[in-house]
N, C-alpha and C. Protein backbone atom coordinates (compact mmCIF):
# COMPACT_ATOMS: atom_id res chain seq x y z
N MET A 1 115.14 132.91 29.46
CA MET A 1 115.19 132.15 28.09
C MET A 1 116.46 132.28 27.43
N ASN A 2 117.79 133.15 28.46
CA ASN A 2 119.16 132.89 28.43
C ASN A 2 119.28 131.65 28.56
N HIS A 3 119.15 130.71 28.95
CA HIS A 3 119.05 129.67 29.32
C HIS A 3 119.02 128.29 28.28
N PHE A 4 117.55 129.13 27.86
CA PHE A 4 117.12 127.93 26.59
C PHE A 4 117.55 128.05 25.52
N LEU A 5 118.40 129.20 25.33
CA LEU A 5 119.33 129.51 24.01
C LEU A 5 120.38 128.72 24.37
N LEU A 6 121.34 128.88 25.46
CA LEU A 6 122.34 128.29 25.46
C LEU A 6 121.99 126.62 25.72
N TYR A 7 120.79 126.16 26.37
CA TYR A 7 120.76 124.93 25.40
C TYR A 7 120.29 123.97 24.34
N LEU A 8 119.72 125.40 23.27
CA LEU A 8 119.86 125.24 21.95
C LEU A 8 121.19 125.06 21.56
N LEU A 9 122.24 126.07 21.76
CA LEU A 9 123.51 126.52 21.22
C LEU A 9 124.43 124.89 21.63
N LEU A 10 124.63 124.72 23.12
CA LEU A 10 124.91 123.15 23.29
C LEU A 10 125.03 121.89 22.49
N PHE A 11 123.29 121.85 22.03
CA PHE A 11 122.48 120.91 21.66
C PHE A 11 122.92 120.98 20.23
N PHE A 12 122.96 121.79 19.31
CA PHE A 12 123.12 121.94 17.99
C PHE A 12 124.58 122.39 17.46
N ALA A 13 125.15 123.13 18.22
CA ALA A 13 126.29 123.41 18.34
C ALA A 13 127.58 122.27 17.39
N PRO A 14 127.30 120.94 18.21
CA PRO A 14 128.28 119.61 17.90
C PRO A 14 127.76 119.20 16.56
N ILE A 15 126.97 119.10 16.46
CA ILE A 15 126.15 118.80 15.19
C ILE A 15 126.40 120.04 13.67
N VAL A 16 126.27 120.94 14.05
CA VAL A 16 126.82 121.70 13.22
C VAL A 16 128.15 121.78 12.59
N LEU A 17 129.02 121.63 13.78
CA LEU A 17 130.29 121.93 13.76
C LEU A 17 130.72 120.62 13.10
N ALA A 18 130.47 119.20 13.55
CA ALA A 18 130.40 117.94 13.03
C ALA A 18 130.51 117.79 11.53
N GLY A 19 129.49 118.73 11.14
CA GLY A 19 129.13 118.49 9.16
C GLY A 19 130.49 119.55 9.18
N CYS A 20 131.67 119.62 9.50
CA CYS A 20 132.93 120.74 9.46
C CYS A 20 133.80 119.60 9.25
N GLN A 21 133.48 118.39 9.65
CA GLN A 21 134.62 117.64 9.54
C GLN A 21 134.46 116.77 8.64
N PRO A 22 135.60 116.20 8.24
CA PRO A 22 135.80 114.58 6.74
C PRO A 22 135.01 113.80 7.12
N GLU A 23 134.14 113.56 6.28
CA GLU A 23 133.52 112.00 6.86
C GLU A 23 134.16 111.26 7.05
N GLN A 24 134.15 110.36 7.79
CA GLN A 24 134.96 109.01 8.51
C GLN A 24 133.73 108.03 8.23
N GLU A 25 134.93 106.49 7.59
CA GLU A 25 133.98 105.42 7.46
C GLU A 25 133.86 104.89 9.16
N PRO A 26 133.09 104.52 9.25
CA PRO A 26 132.21 103.71 10.83
C PRO A 26 133.15 102.40 10.94
N ALA A 27 133.75 102.18 12.08
CA ALA A 27 134.55 101.26 11.89
C ALA A 27 133.57 99.49 11.93
N PRO A 28 134.79 98.94 11.19
CA PRO A 28 134.03 97.31 11.48
C PRO A 28 133.31 96.63 12.23
N ALA A 29 132.35 96.25 12.73
CA ALA A 29 132.06 94.97 13.98
C ALA A 29 132.97 94.70 14.66
N GLU A 30 133.68 93.64 13.94
CA GLU A 30 134.95 93.45 14.42
C GLU A 30 135.69 94.23 15.41
N SER A 31 136.30 95.03 15.10
CA SER A 31 137.35 96.13 15.38
C SER A 31 136.11 96.86 16.55
N ALA A 32 135.40 96.92 17.01
CA ALA A 32 134.62 98.07 17.57
C ALA A 32 133.52 96.77 18.41
N PRO A 33 134.24 96.42 19.33
CA PRO A 33 133.06 95.53 20.30
C PRO A 33 132.34 96.10 21.25
N PRO A 34 130.92 95.74 21.69
CA PRO A 34 130.20 96.88 22.61
C PRO A 34 130.68 97.09 24.02
N SER A 35 130.24 98.19 24.15
CA SER A 35 130.57 98.48 25.26
C SER A 35 129.78 98.10 26.63
N SER A 36 130.47 98.23 27.86
CA SER A 36 129.51 98.08 29.00
C SER A 36 127.99 98.17 28.76
N ALA A 37 127.57 99.95 28.32
CA ALA A 37 126.80 100.22 28.30
C ALA A 37 126.02 99.53 27.25
N GLY A 38 125.99 99.10 26.04
CA GLY A 38 125.78 98.48 24.69
C GLY A 38 124.44 97.34 25.21
N THR A 39 123.80 97.09 24.40
CA THR A 39 122.79 95.78 24.42
C THR A 39 122.81 95.38 23.07
N ALA A 40 122.79 93.62 23.05
CA ALA A 40 122.70 92.92 22.42
C ALA A 40 121.47 92.01 21.98
N SER A 41 120.89 92.02 20.85
CA SER A 41 119.88 91.16 20.60
C SER A 41 120.29 90.23 19.76
N SER A 42 119.77 89.29 19.09
CA SER A 42 120.22 88.14 18.59
C SER A 42 120.65 88.28 17.40
N GLU A 43 120.79 89.45 17.01
CA GLU A 43 120.76 89.71 15.18
C GLU A 43 121.78 90.85 15.41
N LEU A 44 121.91 91.90 16.03
CA LEU A 44 122.86 93.49 16.53
C LEU A 44 123.36 93.46 17.41
N THR A 45 124.11 94.40 17.82
CA THR A 45 124.70 95.00 18.62
C THR A 45 124.65 96.40 19.05
N LEU A 46 124.14 97.01 19.73
CA LEU A 46 124.20 98.58 20.29
C LEU A 46 125.11 98.73 21.25
N ALA A 47 126.44 99.47 20.73
CA ALA A 47 127.50 100.07 21.65
C ALA A 47 127.53 101.30 21.54
N ASP A 48 128.21 101.89 22.97
CA ASP A 48 128.60 103.60 22.74
C ASP A 48 127.35 104.53 22.48
N PRO A 49 126.71 104.27 23.59
CA PRO A 49 125.33 105.29 22.93
C PRO A 49 125.43 106.11 24.33
N PHE A 50 124.83 107.76 23.77
CA PHE A 50 125.09 108.51 24.84
C PHE A 50 123.88 109.94 24.07
N SER A 51 123.38 110.56 24.75
CA SER A 51 123.12 111.77 24.74
C SER A 51 123.53 112.76 25.70
N PRO A 52 123.87 114.13 24.77
CA PRO A 52 124.20 115.22 25.34
C PRO A 52 122.79 115.64 26.09
N ILE A 53 123.21 116.66 27.28
CA ILE A 53 122.10 117.52 27.97
C ILE A 53 121.56 118.60 27.32
N ALA A 54 120.13 118.35 27.53
CA ALA A 54 118.75 119.09 26.91
C ALA A 54 118.11 119.52 27.87
N PRO A 55 116.93 120.56 27.58
CA PRO A 55 116.13 121.53 28.63
C PRO A 55 114.92 120.27 28.88
N GLU A 56 113.78 120.81 29.59
CA GLU A 56 112.92 120.20 29.26
C GLU A 56 111.80 121.42 28.81
N GLY A 57 111.34 120.80 27.70
CA GLY A 57 110.46 121.63 26.66
C GLY A 57 111.06 121.35 25.54
N GLY A 58 112.49 121.36 25.43
CA GLY A 58 113.58 121.17 24.48
C GLY A 58 113.41 119.77 23.65
N THR A 59 114.58 119.80 22.99
CA THR A 59 114.95 118.47 21.79
C THR A 59 116.54 117.90 21.93
N GLY A 60 116.46 116.79 22.88
CA GLY A 60 117.74 116.08 22.99
C GLY A 60 118.14 115.02 21.79
N GLY A 61 119.28 115.13 21.27
CA GLY A 61 119.31 113.82 20.45
C GLY A 61 120.22 112.68 21.38
N LEU A 62 120.23 111.35 20.42
CA LEU A 62 120.68 110.04 20.77
C LEU A 62 121.29 109.82 19.75
N PHE A 63 122.35 108.88 20.32
CA PHE A 63 123.29 109.04 19.37
C PHE A 63 123.84 106.99 19.37
N VAL A 64 124.20 106.55 19.13
CA VAL A 64 125.18 104.75 19.48
C VAL A 64 125.65 104.48 18.18
N GLN A 65 126.23 103.39 18.63
CA GLN A 65 126.78 102.74 17.09
C GLN A 65 125.80 101.61 17.19
N ILE A 66 125.22 100.99 15.92
CA ILE A 66 124.66 99.73 15.67
C ILE A 66 125.69 99.03 14.52
N HIS A 67 126.14 97.94 15.61
CA HIS A 67 126.53 96.14 14.31
C HIS A 67 125.33 95.70 14.07
N GLY A 68 125.80 95.75 12.45
CA GLY A 68 124.43 94.33 12.03
C GLY A 68 125.13 93.48 12.35
N GLY A 69 124.19 92.48 12.68
CA GLY A 69 124.43 91.01 12.64
C GLY A 69 124.36 90.08 11.14
N ALA A 70 124.08 89.02 11.55
CA ALA A 70 124.23 87.93 10.49
C ALA A 70 123.54 88.23 9.20
N SER A 71 121.97 88.84 9.96
CA SER A 71 121.18 89.19 8.44
C SER A 71 120.95 90.30 8.60
N PRO A 72 120.56 91.35 7.75
CA PRO A 72 120.26 92.61 7.57
C PRO A 72 119.38 93.15 8.77
N ASP A 73 118.90 94.06 8.75
CA ASP A 73 117.92 94.69 9.21
C ASP A 73 117.06 96.40 9.05
N THR A 74 116.63 96.81 9.66
CA THR A 74 116.21 98.33 9.73
C THR A 74 115.70 98.45 10.92
N LEU A 75 116.22 99.85 11.45
CA LEU A 75 116.21 100.39 12.27
C LEU A 75 114.88 101.78 12.02
N LEU A 76 113.65 101.35 12.55
CA LEU A 76 112.07 101.96 12.07
C LEU A 76 112.22 103.06 13.24
N GLY A 77 112.84 102.48 14.36
CA GLY A 77 112.11 104.44 14.93
C GLY A 77 112.69 103.96 16.60
N ALA A 78 111.94 104.11 17.64
CA ALA A 78 112.27 105.02 18.92
C ALA A 78 110.99 105.20 19.56
N GLN A 79 111.03 104.62 20.53
CA GLN A 79 110.26 105.20 22.01
C GLN A 79 111.13 105.88 23.13
N PHE A 80 111.31 106.76 23.86
CA PHE A 80 111.45 107.25 24.68
C PHE A 80 109.94 108.19 25.94
N ASP A 81 109.87 107.57 26.78
CA ASP A 81 108.78 107.99 27.91
C ASP A 81 108.91 109.52 27.96
N GLY A 82 109.94 109.79 28.07
CA GLY A 82 110.33 111.49 28.50
C GLY A 82 110.01 111.94 27.32
N ALA A 83 109.61 111.61 26.27
CA ALA A 83 109.08 113.05 25.23
C ALA A 83 108.17 112.50 25.01
N ARG A 84 107.61 113.95 24.08
CA ARG A 84 106.27 114.02 23.25
C ARG A 84 106.51 113.10 22.28
N ARG A 85 107.46 112.82 21.20
CA ARG A 85 107.58 112.01 20.24
C ARG A 85 109.20 111.52 19.92
N VAL A 86 109.75 110.89 19.09
CA VAL A 86 111.37 110.56 18.93
C VAL A 86 111.21 110.44 17.48
N GLU A 87 112.20 111.01 16.90
CA GLU A 87 112.37 111.23 15.29
C GLU A 87 113.41 110.32 14.81
N LEU A 88 113.76 109.94 14.07
CA LEU A 88 115.02 109.36 12.97
C LEU A 88 115.20 110.30 11.71
N HIS A 89 116.42 110.87 12.04
CA HIS A 89 116.76 112.03 11.36
C HIS A 89 118.13 111.64 10.64
N GLU A 90 118.13 112.28 9.59
CA GLU A 90 119.47 112.46 8.33
C GLU A 90 120.55 113.88 8.38
N THR A 91 121.51 113.95 8.73
CA THR A 91 121.94 115.30 8.18
C THR A 91 122.37 115.45 7.10
N TYR A 92 122.12 116.28 6.17
CA TYR A 92 122.15 116.80 4.66
C TYR A 92 122.93 117.45 4.47
N ALA A 93 123.24 117.70 3.22
CA ALA A 93 124.26 118.90 2.98
C ALA A 93 123.66 119.50 1.54
N THR A 94 123.24 120.99 1.39
CA THR A 94 122.20 121.23 0.40
C THR A 94 123.42 121.58 -0.99
N ASP A 95 123.20 121.71 -2.20
CA ASP A 95 124.17 122.36 -3.35
C ASP A 95 124.75 122.99 -3.33
N ASP A 96 124.39 124.51 -1.54
CA ASP A 96 125.23 125.62 -2.10
C ASP A 96 126.05 125.36 -0.42
N GLY A 97 126.09 124.13 -0.53
CA GLY A 97 126.51 123.81 1.05
C GLY A 97 126.30 124.19 2.02
N LEU A 98 125.01 124.49 2.63
CA LEU A 98 124.65 124.52 4.00
C LEU A 98 124.30 123.16 4.40
N ARG A 99 124.20 123.07 5.44
CA ARG A 99 123.25 121.56 5.97
C ARG A 99 122.00 121.29 6.59
N GLY A 100 121.39 120.57 6.62
CA GLY A 100 119.68 120.41 7.58
C GLY A 100 120.04 119.64 7.62
N MET A 101 118.68 119.18 8.32
CA MET A 101 118.18 117.91 9.38
C MET A 101 116.66 117.64 8.39
N ARG A 102 117.08 115.77 8.03
CA ARG A 102 115.08 115.59 7.89
C ARG A 102 114.95 114.48 8.48
N GLN A 103 113.74 114.15 8.78
CA GLN A 103 112.89 112.58 9.46
C GLN A 103 113.74 111.39 8.06
N ILE A 104 113.73 110.64 8.46
CA ILE A 104 113.89 109.70 7.53
C ILE A 104 113.46 108.41 7.88
N ASN A 105 112.23 107.61 7.05
CA ASN A 105 111.23 106.46 7.78
C ASN A 105 112.31 105.35 8.16
N GLY A 106 113.65 104.69 8.22
CA GLY A 106 114.14 103.96 8.29
C GLY A 106 115.97 104.17 7.95
N LEU A 107 116.26 103.35 8.84
CA LEU A 107 118.27 103.15 8.51
C LEU A 107 118.23 101.60 8.40
N PRO A 108 118.66 101.39 7.42
CA PRO A 108 118.94 100.30 6.64
C PRO A 108 119.70 99.50 7.85
N ILE A 109 120.57 98.82 8.00
CA ILE A 109 121.47 97.82 8.86
C ILE A 109 121.74 96.92 7.99
N PRO A 110 122.90 96.91 7.34
CA PRO A 110 123.85 95.91 6.72
C PRO A 110 124.03 94.83 7.63
N ALA A 111 123.75 93.47 7.35
CA ALA A 111 124.29 92.31 7.80
C ALA A 111 125.59 92.53 8.38
N GLY A 112 126.85 92.50 9.64
CA GLY A 112 127.68 92.26 9.53
C GLY A 112 128.29 93.84 9.57
N GLU A 113 127.86 94.73 9.45
CA GLU A 113 128.22 96.01 8.98
C GLU A 113 127.90 96.70 10.07
N THR A 114 128.61 98.16 10.93
CA THR A 114 128.25 99.05 11.46
C THR A 114 127.58 100.49 10.90
N VAL A 115 126.48 100.87 11.50
CA VAL A 115 126.05 101.61 11.04
C VAL A 115 126.14 102.86 12.26
N ALA A 116 126.52 104.15 12.16
CA ALA A 116 126.57 105.41 13.56
C ALA A 116 126.18 105.95 13.35
N LEU A 117 124.79 105.94 14.36
CA LEU A 117 124.27 107.30 14.66
C LEU A 117 124.93 108.27 15.56
N ARG A 118 125.33 109.43 15.14
CA ARG A 118 126.10 110.54 15.40
C ARG A 118 125.70 111.60 15.33
N PRO A 119 126.78 112.55 16.09
CA PRO A 119 126.30 113.86 15.43
C PRO A 119 127.25 114.31 14.02
N GLY A 120 126.15 115.06 13.07
CA GLY A 120 126.15 115.43 12.25
C GLY A 120 125.88 114.34 11.25
N SER A 121 125.35 113.33 11.42
CA SER A 121 125.15 112.35 10.56
C SER A 121 123.20 111.50 11.20
N PHE A 122 123.50 110.73 10.89
CA PHE A 122 121.64 109.71 11.86
C PHE A 122 122.04 110.31 13.05
N HIS A 123 120.90 110.28 13.17
CA HIS A 123 121.01 110.36 14.89
C HIS A 123 119.69 110.24 14.77
N LEU A 124 118.78 110.32 16.55
CA LEU A 124 117.68 110.41 17.12
C LEU A 124 117.44 111.33 17.75
N MET A 125 116.11 112.16 17.37
CA MET A 125 115.80 113.15 17.93
C MET A 125 114.76 113.14 19.24
N LEU A 126 114.81 113.54 20.06
CA LEU A 126 113.42 113.78 21.40
C LEU A 126 113.42 114.59 21.81
N MET A 127 112.36 114.76 20.97
CA MET A 127 111.39 115.93 20.87
C MET A 127 110.50 116.59 22.27
N GLY A 128 109.97 117.44 22.74
CA GLY A 128 109.35 118.08 23.40
C GLY A 128 109.74 116.80 24.94
N LEU A 129 111.05 117.33 25.62
CA LEU A 129 111.35 116.42 26.21
C LEU A 129 110.29 116.77 27.52
N GLN A 130 109.78 115.77 28.28
CA GLN A 130 109.01 116.07 29.91
C GLN A 130 110.01 117.08 31.24
N ALA A 131 111.34 116.45 30.98
CA ALA A 131 111.86 116.85 31.62
C ALA A 131 113.31 116.67 31.27
N PRO A 132 114.44 117.94 32.18
CA PRO A 132 115.47 117.80 31.38
C PRO A 132 116.48 116.53 31.20
N LEU A 133 117.41 117.00 30.58
CA LEU A 133 118.49 115.46 30.28
C LEU A 133 119.43 116.09 31.31
N THR A 134 119.96 115.57 32.25
CA THR A 134 121.05 116.46 32.96
C THR A 134 121.90 115.18 33.32
N ALA A 135 123.39 115.52 32.75
CA ALA A 135 124.05 114.84 32.89
C ALA A 135 124.54 114.34 34.37
N GLY A 136 125.17 112.78 34.16
CA GLY A 136 125.50 112.46 34.69
C GLY A 136 124.15 111.27 34.94
N ASP A 137 122.79 111.39 34.80
CA ASP A 137 121.64 110.46 34.01
C ASP A 137 122.02 109.59 33.32
N THR A 138 120.88 108.69 33.49
CA THR A 138 120.73 107.79 32.48
C THR A 138 119.33 107.51 31.99
N ILE A 139 118.96 107.25 30.51
CA ILE A 139 117.47 107.16 30.64
C ILE A 139 117.30 106.06 29.37
N THR A 140 116.45 105.43 29.58
CA THR A 140 116.03 104.39 28.99
C THR A 140 115.64 104.48 28.19
N VAL A 141 115.47 104.05 26.38
CA VAL A 141 115.17 103.78 25.25
C VAL A 141 114.51 103.02 24.56
N THR A 142 113.77 102.73 23.88
CA THR A 142 113.71 101.71 23.08
C THR A 142 113.78 101.53 21.99
N LEU A 143 114.36 100.75 21.06
CA LEU A 143 114.58 101.31 19.69
C LEU A 143 113.89 99.71 18.86
N ASP A 144 113.20 100.19 17.89
CA ASP A 144 112.35 99.27 16.94
C ASP A 144 113.12 99.13 15.61
N PHE A 145 113.07 97.91 15.66
CA PHE A 145 114.10 97.43 14.32
C PHE A 145 112.90 96.16 13.71
N ALA A 146 113.18 96.00 12.02
CA ALA A 146 112.36 95.18 11.33
C ALA A 146 112.38 93.60 12.01
N GLN A 147 113.80 93.26 12.10
CA GLN A 147 113.84 92.52 12.33
C GLN A 147 113.72 91.85 13.99
N ALA A 148 114.83 92.51 14.48
CA ALA A 148 115.34 92.00 15.73
C ALA A 148 113.82 92.84 17.21
N GLY A 149 113.21 93.10 16.51
CA GLY A 149 111.77 93.48 17.12
C GLY A 149 112.48 95.25 18.28
N VAL A 150 111.57 95.19 19.51
CA VAL A 150 112.55 95.31 20.21
C VAL A 150 112.73 96.03 21.06
N VAL A 151 113.88 96.66 21.55
CA VAL A 151 115.44 96.72 21.89
C VAL A 151 115.79 97.66 23.05
N PRO A 152 115.58 97.17 24.05
CA PRO A 152 115.92 98.58 25.27
C PRO A 152 117.28 99.25 25.17
N LEU A 153 117.40 100.22 25.48
CA LEU A 153 119.07 100.97 25.73
C LEU A 153 119.22 101.70 26.69
N ARG A 154 120.17 101.32 27.63
CA ARG A 154 120.21 102.83 28.63
C ARG A 154 121.42 103.63 27.87
N VAL A 155 120.99 104.58 28.02
CA VAL A 155 121.71 105.84 27.29
C VAL A 155 122.07 106.76 28.27
N PRO A 156 123.58 106.93 28.87
CA PRO A 156 124.26 107.99 29.71
C PRO A 156 124.24 109.38 28.74
N VAL A 157 123.84 110.30 29.90
CA VAL A 157 123.64 111.75 29.63
C VAL A 157 124.78 112.29 29.54
N TYR A 158 125.59 113.04 28.77
CA TYR A 158 127.10 113.39 29.14
C TYR A 158 126.35 115.27 28.87
N ALA A 159 127.37 115.65 29.52
CA ALA A 159 127.60 117.59 29.70
C ALA A 159 128.08 117.68 27.90
N PRO A 160 128.17 119.13 27.60
CA PRO A 160 129.26 118.81 25.85
C PRO A 160 130.54 118.77 26.35
N GLU A 161 131.03 119.34 27.09
CA GLU A 161 132.56 118.63 27.75
C GLU A 161 133.21 117.76 28.02
N ASP A 162 132.33 116.83 28.13
CA ASP A 162 132.39 115.34 28.75
C ASP A 162 131.51 114.45 27.78
N LEU A 163 131.52 114.82 26.56
CA LEU A 163 131.16 113.51 26.11
C LEU A 163 131.88 112.49 25.42
N PRO A 164 131.43 111.61 25.12
CA PRO A 164 133.08 110.42 24.74
C PRO A 164 133.63 110.49 23.87
N THR A 165 135.11 110.57 23.87
CA THR A 165 135.86 111.00 23.12
C THR A 165 135.80 110.62 21.75
N ALA A 166 135.42 108.81 21.81
CA ALA A 166 135.33 108.23 20.75
C ALA A 166 134.37 108.74 19.70
N HIS A 167 133.64 110.08 19.52
CA HIS A 167 132.73 110.49 19.44
C HIS A 167 133.12 111.78 18.55
N ALA A 168 134.13 112.48 19.13
CA ALA A 168 135.02 114.10 19.26
C ALA A 168 135.19 114.04 18.09
N ASN A 169 135.21 113.26 16.67
CA ASN A 169 136.05 113.62 15.80
C ASN A 169 134.60 113.45 14.28
N HIS A 170 133.47 112.75 15.39
CA HIS A 170 132.86 112.48 14.27
C HIS A 170 131.77 114.06 13.83
């Protein structure tokens, strides 16, 4: 039970702490070229994907930069064979200053703009993991877009202390 609580703390602490950071605008697609871990479709580019470690049976998060193509698109959802379900979520603030998460049905990707799935903002939740997400692993997730269709994405898994620095201030 103590390991489970530790994993929960390790997963949710960055999300909660990120909510305390000032909101920053994502970089335009021109100034943020896709990483070697990214995937391109004919209309959009995915870059800098990552997932923190998470326990078997628990919930993991998935974060990625989505650079819009020449025409707008919408992220409809995702699939991961290693999870019971995957949900697209947003983090929000309440009137009394608390933060929460809620499932959303789609995320618009404007043409030529970058939308960041990051801790404390939009993100994918990998729920009911069939095996732990272990540091050093790479998982394959498919993202479902209204225009680009199904786009596979290879996502590296990191321990909290090794999360990519590009996301450290988000």
